[in-house]
N, C-alpha and C. Protein backbone atom coordinates (compact mmCIF):
# COMPACT_ATOMS: atom_id res chain seq x y z
N MET A 1 0.78 -0.94 -0.04
CA MET A 1 0.32 -0.08 -0.04
C MET A 1 0.81 1.48 -0.32
N GLU A 2 0.76 2.21 -1.09
CA GLU A 2 1.30 3.21 -0.72
C GLU A 2 1.12 4.46 0.74
N LYS A 3 2.63 5.34 0.68
CA LYS A 3 1.87 5.71 1.77
C LYS A 3 1.01 7.16 1.41
N VAL A 4 0.92 7.20 2.39
CA VAL A 4 0.07 8.69 2.31
C VAL A 4 0.44 9.62 1.63
N ARG A 5 0.03 10.66 1.42
CA ARG A 5 0.67 11.73 0.72
C ARG A 5 0.00 13.51 1.43
N PRO A 6 0.93 13.96 1.44
CA PRO A 6 0.74 15.45 2.53
C PRO A 6 -0.86 15.69 1.81
N PHE A 7 -0.87 15.97 0.35
CA PHE A 7 -2.05 16.30 0.01
C PHE A 7 -3.42 15.66 0.50
N ALA A 8 -2.86 14.28 0.00
CA ALA A 8 -4.45 13.25 1.10
C ALA A 8 -4.60 13.75 2.54
N ALA A 9 -3.49 13.85 3.25
CA ALA A 9 -3.70 14.00 4.45
C ALA A 9 -4.13 15.14 4.52
N ALA A 10 -4.09 16.33 4.40
CA ALA A 10 -4.46 17.89 4.61
C ALA A 10 -6.17 17.40 4.04
N VAL A 11 -6.02 17.22 3.41
CA VAL A 11 -7.70 17.11 2.21
C VAL A 11 -8.57 16.49 3.73
N ALA A 12 -7.84 14.97 3.97
CA ALA A 12 -8.64 14.33 5.51
C ALA A 12 -8.74 15.15 6.39
N THR A 13 -8.00 15.65 6.88
CA THR A 13 -8.12 16.42 8.31
C THR A 13 -8.96 17.33 7.90
N ARG A 14 -8.55 18.56 7.11
CA ARG A 14 -9.42 19.42 7.24
C ARG A 14 -10.88 19.46 7.11
N SER A 15 -11.21 18.11 6.16
CA SER A 15 -12.99 17.94 5.85
C SER A 15 -13.20 17.18 7.46
N LEU A 16 -12.79 16.75 8.07
CA LEU A 16 -12.95 15.69 9.09
C LEU A 16 -13.46 16.86 10.28
N VAL A 17 -12.27 17.58 10.35
CA VAL A 17 -12.36 18.63 11.73
C VAL A 17 -13.48 19.92 11.04
N ILE A 18 -13.77 20.12 9.99
CA ILE A 18 -14.99 20.86 9.45
C ILE A 18 -16.35 20.25 9.73
N ALA A 19 -16.21 18.80 9.39
CA ALA A 19 -17.37 17.75 9.78
C ALA A 19 -17.62 17.88 11.29
N ALA A 20 -16.54 17.63 11.68
CA ALA A 20 -16.76 17.30 13.17
C ALA A 20 -17.54 18.87 14.04
N ILE A 21 -16.54 20.10 13.63
CA ILE A 21 -17.22 21.43 13.95
C ILE A 21 -19.23 21.05 13.83
N ALA A 22 -19.27 21.58 12.62
CA ALA A 22 -20.55 21.74 12.21
C ALA A 22 -21.69 20.38 12.97
N ALA A 23 -21.04 19.27 12.59
CA ALA A 23 -21.83 18.35 14.04
C ALA A 23 -22.31 18.16 15.16
N VAL A 24 -21.51 19.03 15.61
CA VAL A 24 -21.43 19.37 16.87
C VAL A 24 -22.41 20.31 17.53
N ALA A 25 -22.19 21.53 16.33
CA ALA A 25 -23.18 22.45 16.19
C ALA A 25 -24.29 21.87 15.93
N LEU A 26 -24.78 21.37 14.85
CA LEU A 26 -26.04 20.41 14.46
C LEU A 26 -26.54 19.66 15.71
N ALA A 27 -25.84 19.13 16.31
CA ALA A 27 -26.59 18.09 17.84
C ALA A 27 -26.74 19.01 18.67
N THR A 28 -26.08 20.12 18.80
CA THR A 28 -26.22 20.83 20.04
C THR A 28 -27.22 22.34 19.84
N PHE A 29 -27.10 22.82 18.86
CA PHE A 29 -28.01 23.88 18.67
C PHE A 29 -29.34 23.67 17.50
N GLY A 30 -29.07 22.56 17.00
CA GLY A 30 -30.29 22.41 15.93
C GLY A 30 -30.65 20.86 16.86
N HIS A 31 -30.52 20.34 17.60
CA HIS A 31 -31.01 19.16 18.26
C HIS A 31 -31.44 17.94 17.56
N SER A 32 -30.65 18.19 16.73
CA SER A 32 -30.59 16.87 15.27
C SER A 32 -29.43 15.90 15.54
N ARG A 33 -29.86 14.90 15.70
CA ARG A 33 -28.84 13.88 15.89
C ARG A 33 -28.74 13.12 14.63
N ILE A 34 -29.58 12.75 14.56
CA ILE A 34 -29.76 12.16 12.85
C ILE A 34 -29.10 13.18 11.83
N ALA A 35 -29.46 14.38 11.94
CA ALA A 35 -28.67 15.72 11.01
C ALA A 35 -26.54 15.33 10.75
N ALA A 36 -26.61 15.33 12.24
CA ALA A 36 -25.35 15.52 12.62
C ALA A 36 -24.80 14.13 12.29
N LEU A 37 -25.29 13.09 12.56
CA LEU A 37 -24.68 11.57 12.05
C LEU A 37 -24.60 11.57 10.69
N ALA A 38 -25.66 11.90 9.67
CA ALA A 38 -25.70 12.02 8.34
C ALA A 38 -24.53 12.94 7.81
N LEU A 39 -23.98 14.24 8.94
CA LEU A 39 -23.36 14.99 8.24
C LEU A 39 -21.94 14.32 8.26
N ILE A 40 -21.36 13.53 9.53
CA ILE A 40 -20.22 13.08 9.60
C ILE A 40 -20.25 11.79 8.75
N ALA A 41 -21.49 11.04 8.43
CA ALA A 41 -21.64 10.05 7.22
C ALA A 41 -20.90 10.20 6.02
N GLY A 42 -21.80 11.36 5.31
CA GLY A 42 -21.23 11.93 4.12
C GLY A 42 -20.35 12.30 3.78
N THR A 43 -19.17 12.95 5.29
CA THR A 43 -18.23 13.24 4.75
C THR A 43 -17.15 11.97 4.44
N LEU A 44 -17.64 11.20 5.42
CA LEU A 44 -16.46 9.97 5.56
C LEU A 44 -16.80 9.26 3.84
N ILE A 45 -18.18 9.14 3.49
CA ILE A 45 -18.51 8.84 2.20
C ILE A 45 -17.98 9.19 1.23
N GLY A 46 -17.42 10.36 1.51
CA GLY A 46 -17.72 11.69 0.38
C GLY A 46 -15.33 11.39 0.48
N LEU A 47 -15.04 11.27 1.55
CA LEU A 47 -13.75 11.20 1.65
C LEU A 47 -13.42 9.53 0.59
N ALA A 48 -13.80 8.71 1.15
CA ALA A 48 -13.98 7.36 0.71
C ALA A 48 -13.83 7.37 -1.31
N TYR A 49 -14.86 8.39 -1.71
CA TYR A 49 -15.62 8.13 -2.96
C TYR A 49 -14.13 9.05 -3.48
N LEU A 50 -13.51 10.24 -2.83
CA LEU A 50 -12.79 11.25 -3.67
C LEU A 50 -11.44 10.20 -3.59
N PHE A 51 -11.02 9.47 -2.77
CA PHE A 51 -9.78 8.87 -2.48
C PHE A 51 -9.88 7.65 -3.72
N HIS A 52 -10.92 7.22 -3.81
CA HIS A 52 -11.02 6.00 -4.73
C HIS A 52 -11.18 6.32 -5.79
N ILE A 53 -11.70 7.50 -5.87
CA ILE A 53 -11.87 7.90 -7.74
C ILE A 53 -10.38 8.28 -8.18
N ALA A 54 -9.22 8.41 -7.25
CA ALA A 54 -7.90 9.31 -7.31
C ALA A 54 -7.03 7.59 -7.51
N THR A 55 -7.34 6.90 -6.39
CA THR A 55 -6.59 5.44 -6.60
C THR A 55 -7.23 4.71 -7.96
N GLY A 56 -8.29 4.69 -8.64
CA GLY A 56 -8.82 4.06 -9.60
C GLY A 56 -8.01 5.02 -10.89
N PHE A 57 -7.73 6.22 -11.08
CA PHE A 57 -6.84 6.54 -11.83
C PHE A 57 -5.27 6.20 -12.22
N ASN A 58 -4.75 6.27 -10.57
CA ASN A 58 -3.50 5.65 -10.67
C ASN A 58 -3.18 4.52 -11.19
N ARG A 59 -4.26 3.26 -11.13
CA ARG A 59 -4.45 2.14 -11.04
C ARG A 59 -4.40 2.12 -13.11
N LEU A 60 -5.55 3.02 -13.33
CA LEU A 60 -5.55 3.00 -14.71
C LEU A 60 -4.41 3.23 -15.45
N THR A 61 -3.79 4.28 -14.78
CA THR A 61 -2.47 4.71 -15.56
C THR A 61 -1.58 3.43 -15.51
N LYS A 62 -1.23 2.82 -14.72
CA LYS A 62 -0.36 2.03 -14.27
C LYS A 62 -0.41 0.51 -14.88
N GLY A 63 -2.30 -0.06 -14.96
CA GLY A 63 -2.59 -1.16 -15.88
C GLY A 63 -2.96 -0.81 -17.30
N GLY A 64 -3.28 0.19 -17.64
CA GLY A 64 -3.68 0.34 -19.15
C GLY A 64 -4.70 -0.23 -19.38
N ARG A 65 -4.70 -0.32 -20.38
CA ARG A 65 -6.24 -0.81 -21.23
C ARG A 65 -7.29 -2.00 -20.16
N GLY A 66 -6.09 -2.85 -19.84
CA GLY A 66 -6.78 -4.16 -19.24
C GLY A 66 -7.28 -3.98 -18.30
N TYR A 67 -7.54 -2.43 -17.52
CA TYR A 67 -7.60 -2.55 -16.10
C TYR A 67 -9.50 -1.82 -16.60
N MET A 68 -9.62 -1.48 -17.65
CA MET A 68 -10.87 -0.99 -18.00
C MET A 68 -11.62 -1.54 -17.83
N PRO A 69 -12.52 -2.71 -17.61
CA PRO A 69 -13.23 -3.58 -17.40
C PRO A 69 -13.73 -3.01 -15.69
N PHE A 70 -12.58 -3.70 -15.20
CA PHE A 70 -12.45 -3.67 -13.62
C PHE A 70 -13.13 -2.02 -12.80
N LEU A 71 -12.65 -0.95 -13.63
CA LEU A 71 -12.88 0.51 -13.16
C LEU A 71 -14.35 0.72 -13.37
N THR A 72 -14.94 -0.10 -14.65
CA THR A 72 -15.90 0.26 -14.89
C THR A 72 -16.83 -0.19 -13.82
N ILE A 73 -16.65 -1.42 -13.59
CA ILE A 73 -17.51 -2.02 -12.36
C ILE A 73 -17.27 -1.34 -11.08
N GLU A 74 -16.00 -0.93 -10.54
CA GLU A 74 -15.79 -0.14 -9.58
C GLU A 74 -16.48 1.18 -9.49
N SER A 75 -16.44 1.81 -10.52
CA SER A 75 -16.88 3.24 -10.64
C SER A 75 -19.21 2.50 -10.30
N LEU A 76 -19.38 1.51 -10.85
CA LEU A 76 -20.89 1.18 -10.81
C LEU A 76 -20.75 1.10 -9.14
N VAL A 77 -20.28 0.30 -8.14
CA VAL A 77 -20.53 -0.21 -7.16
C VAL A 77 -20.04 1.30 -6.16
N ARG A 78 -19.34 2.31 -6.91
CA ARG A 78 -19.35 3.25 -5.59
C ARG A 78 -20.19 4.14 -5.90
N VAL A 79 -21.39 4.41 -7.02
CA VAL A 79 -21.89 5.08 -7.34
C VAL A 79 -23.49 4.76 -6.53
N PHE A 80 -23.55 3.23 -6.91
CA PHE A 80 -24.68 2.80 -5.92
C PHE A 80 -24.68 2.99 -4.40
N VAL A 81 -23.38 2.39 -3.79
CA VAL A 81 -22.94 2.57 -2.26
C VAL A 81 -23.10 4.10 -1.67
N ALA A 82 -22.89 5.03 -2.63
CA ALA A 82 -23.00 6.75 -2.22
C ALA A 82 -24.27 6.92 -2.48
N GLY A 83 -25.06 6.44 -3.21
CA GLY A 83 -26.27 6.63 -3.62
C GLY A 83 -27.34 5.89 -2.69
N ALA A 84 -26.85 4.71 -2.26
CA ALA A 84 -27.92 3.82 -1.23
C ALA A 84 -27.39 4.49 0.30
N ALA A 85 -26.63 4.88 0.51
CA ALA A 85 -26.34 5.45 2.32
C ALA A 85 -27.25 6.42 2.43
N PRO A 86 -27.51 7.43 1.99
CA PRO A 86 -28.32 8.21 2.80
C PRO A 86 -29.63 7.27 3.26
N LEU A 87 -30.07 6.68 2.23
CA LEU A 87 -31.28 5.96 2.37
C LEU A 87 -31.32 5.06 3.60
N LEU A 88 -30.30 4.37 3.69
CA LEU A 88 -29.61 3.40 4.83
C LEU A 88 -29.44 4.12 6.28
N ILE A 89 -29.02 5.56 6.14
CA ILE A 89 -28.57 6.05 6.99
C ILE A 89 -29.73 6.60 8.05
N VAL A 90 -30.32 7.86 7.13
CA VAL A 90 -31.28 8.66 7.13
C VAL A 90 -32.52 7.57 7.48
N GLY A 91 -32.69 7.28 6.34
CA GLY A 91 -34.05 6.26 6.52
C GLY A 91 -34.99 7.01 5.95
N ARG A 92 -36.28 7.04 6.72
CA ARG A 92 -37.61 7.79 6.31
C ARG A 92 -37.22 9.20 7.19
N GLY A 93 -36.45 9.51 7.93
CA GLY A 93 -35.69 10.20 8.89
C GLY A 93 -36.47 11.89 8.12
N PRO A 94 -35.89 13.02 8.81
CA PRO A 94 -36.13 13.98 8.29
C PRO A 94 -35.65 14.70 7.07
N TRP A 95 -36.19 15.39 6.26
CA TRP A 95 -35.41 16.05 5.28
C TRP A 95 -34.21 17.18 5.66
N ILE A 96 -33.73 17.36 6.67
CA ILE A 96 -32.32 17.64 6.94
C ILE A 96 -31.10 16.92 6.98
N GLY A 97 -31.73 15.56 6.90
CA GLY A 97 -30.75 14.36 7.15
C GLY A 97 -29.86 14.23 6.04
N TYR A 98 -30.89 14.34 4.82
CA TYR A 98 -30.50 14.40 3.43
C TYR A 98 -29.84 15.28 2.94
N PHE A 99 -30.26 16.57 3.90
CA PHE A 99 -29.43 18.04 3.05
C PHE A 99 -27.95 17.80 3.48
N THR A 100 -27.96 17.35 4.98
CA THR A 100 -26.83 17.24 5.88
C THR A 100 -25.63 16.13 5.24
N TYR A 101 -26.24 15.22 4.83
CA TYR A 101 -25.54 14.06 3.80
C TYR A 101 -24.82 14.35 2.81
N LEU A 102 -25.89 15.10 1.84
CA LEU A 102 -25.26 15.53 0.69
C LEU A 102 -24.07 16.40 0.76
N ALA A 103 -24.46 17.71 2.05
CA ALA A 103 -23.09 18.65 2.04
C ALA A 103 -22.34 17.90 2.87
N GLY A 104 -22.02 16.98 3.54
CA GLY A 104 -20.78 16.17 3.69
C GLY A 104 -20.43 15.40 2.77
N PHE A 105 -20.94 14.63 1.59
CA PHE A 105 -20.62 13.95 0.82
C PHE A 105 -19.86 15.15 -0.31
N VAL A 106 -20.46 16.18 -0.55
CA VAL A 106 -19.45 17.43 -1.55
C VAL A 106 -18.60 17.96 -0.49
N ALA A 107 -18.56 18.58 0.75
CA ALA A 107 -17.75 19.21 1.38
C ALA A 107 -15.98 18.72 1.35
N PRO A 108 -15.96 17.42 1.24
CA PRO A 108 -14.13 16.66 0.79
C PRO A 108 -13.61 17.10 -0.45
N LEU A 109 -14.69 17.42 -1.42
CA LEU A 109 -14.46 17.76 -2.68
C LEU A 109 -13.84 19.12 -2.39
N ALA A 110 -14.99 20.19 -2.03
CA ALA A 110 -14.70 21.31 -1.93
C ALA A 110 -13.20 21.47 -1.78
N VAL A 111 -13.09 20.87 0.22
CA VAL A 111 -11.77 21.12 0.22
C VAL A 111 -10.43 20.70 -0.55
N ALA A 112 -10.62 19.52 -1.32
CA ALA A 112 -9.35 19.06 -1.75
C ALA A 112 -9.37 20.31 -2.97
N ILE A 113 -10.44 21.10 -3.56
CA ILE A 113 -10.33 21.98 -4.48
C ILE A 113 -9.50 23.20 -4.03
N LEU A 114 -9.95 23.50 -3.05
CA LEU A 114 -9.36 24.58 -1.89
C LEU A 114 -7.87 24.16 -2.06
N THR A 115 -7.51 23.07 -1.44
CA THR A 115 -6.08 22.49 -0.92
C THR A 115 -5.16 22.43 -2.13
N TYR A 116 -5.74 22.16 -3.28
CA TYR A 116 -4.76 22.18 -4.39
C TYR A 116 -4.73 23.45 -5.08
N ARG A 117 -5.65 24.17 -5.27
CA ARG A 117 -5.51 26.01 -5.69
C ARG A 117 -4.29 25.98 -4.40
N LYS A 118 -4.48 26.05 -3.30
CA LYS A 118 -3.40 26.57 -2.53
C LYS A 118 -2.09 26.34 -2.66
N GLN A 119 -1.97 25.11 -3.20
CA GLN A 119 -0.62 24.43 -3.26
C GLN A 119 -0.30 24.81 -4.82
N ILE A 120 -0.97 24.81 -5.66
CA ILE A 120 -0.55 25.29 -6.92
C ILE A 120 0.23 27.00 -6.65
N VAL A 121 -0.60 27.63 -6.38
CA VAL A 121 -0.37 29.25 -6.16
C VAL A 121 1.00 28.84 -5.29
N SER A 122 1.09 28.41 -4.63
CA SER A 122 2.44 28.51 -3.58
C SER A 122 3.63 28.01 -4.62
N GLU A 123 3.27 26.82 -4.90
CA GLU A 123 4.42 26.34 -6.29
C GLU A 123 4.52 27.33 -7.15
N CYS A 124 3.63 27.38 -7.77
CA CYS A 124 3.78 28.83 -8.94
C CYS A 124 5.19 30.08 -8.14
N ALA A 125 4.76 30.19 -7.09
CA ALA A 125 5.03 31.44 -6.38
C ALA A 125 6.70 31.04 -6.28
N SER A 126 7.06 30.23 -5.68
CA SER A 126 7.99 29.65 -5.18
C SER A 126 9.06 29.32 -6.90
N THR A 127 8.28 29.03 -7.66
CA THR A 127 9.61 28.93 -9.02
C THR A 127 9.34 30.00 -9.65
N ASP A 128 8.80 31.05 -9.61
CA ASP A 128 8.94 32.27 -10.29
C ASP A 128 10.30 32.92 -10.10
N ALA A 129 11.29 33.01 -10.77
CA ALA A 129 12.74 34.42 -10.52
C ALA A 129 11.98 35.42 -11.14
N PRO A 130 12.26 36.30 -10.62
CA PRO A 130 12.20 37.81 -11.09
C PRO A 130 12.75 37.71 -12.61
N GLY A 131 12.00 38.66 -13.30
CA GLY A 131 12.65 38.45 -15.04
C GLY A 131 12.21 37.50 -15.48
N SER A 132 12.01 36.31 -15.32
CA SER A 132 11.88 34.93 -16.19
C SER A 132 10.57 35.12 -16.61
N SER A 133 10.20 34.65 -17.95
CA SER A 133 9.10 34.98 -18.33
C SER A 133 8.55 33.48 -18.48
N THR A 134 8.68 32.49 -18.32
CA THR A 134 7.84 31.23 -18.62
C THR A 134 8.06 30.37 -17.04
N VAL A 135 6.66 29.65 -16.93
CA VAL A 135 6.22 29.24 -15.66
C VAL A 135 6.61 27.91 -15.29
N GLN A 136 7.23 27.11 -14.19
CA GLN A 136 7.89 25.95 -14.81
C GLN A 136 6.26 24.96 -14.17
N THR A 137 5.74 23.96 -14.04
CA THR A 137 4.98 23.05 -13.79
C THR A 137 5.62 22.09 -13.52
N PRO A 138 5.30 21.30 -12.29
CA PRO A 138 5.59 20.39 -11.94
C PRO A 138 4.71 18.77 -12.60
N ILE A 139 5.72 18.29 -12.82
CA ILE A 139 4.89 16.62 -13.71
C ILE A 139 4.64 15.52 -12.60
């Protein structure tokens, strides 16, 4: 198994911290434990979804065309699990449970975008030398 990359660790910790703070606020001020649990579950499933997609792309680049059928099956299973999860977690509960699950599911993607943007900006700033007209991009 590969080591955890700093980018992945940053996305995971930031997403979980945001979700924990929001879940505590929902549980105490909103008096909705189901919504708080749905938010945490949505964040965990969203993180797993995000990292599984990234791992699938890595395997695809290493495995080539022979990996395509497995990638399709993995994608279908991933979509069914992420789609069935709110029904299993919230059930016939309040609408706020579904909303918080979706918010938790999408939050890791937003955190990943912001973290990656910050990384790109800092790398571009460190590679730009005064007077140079080309920007080096890491491969």
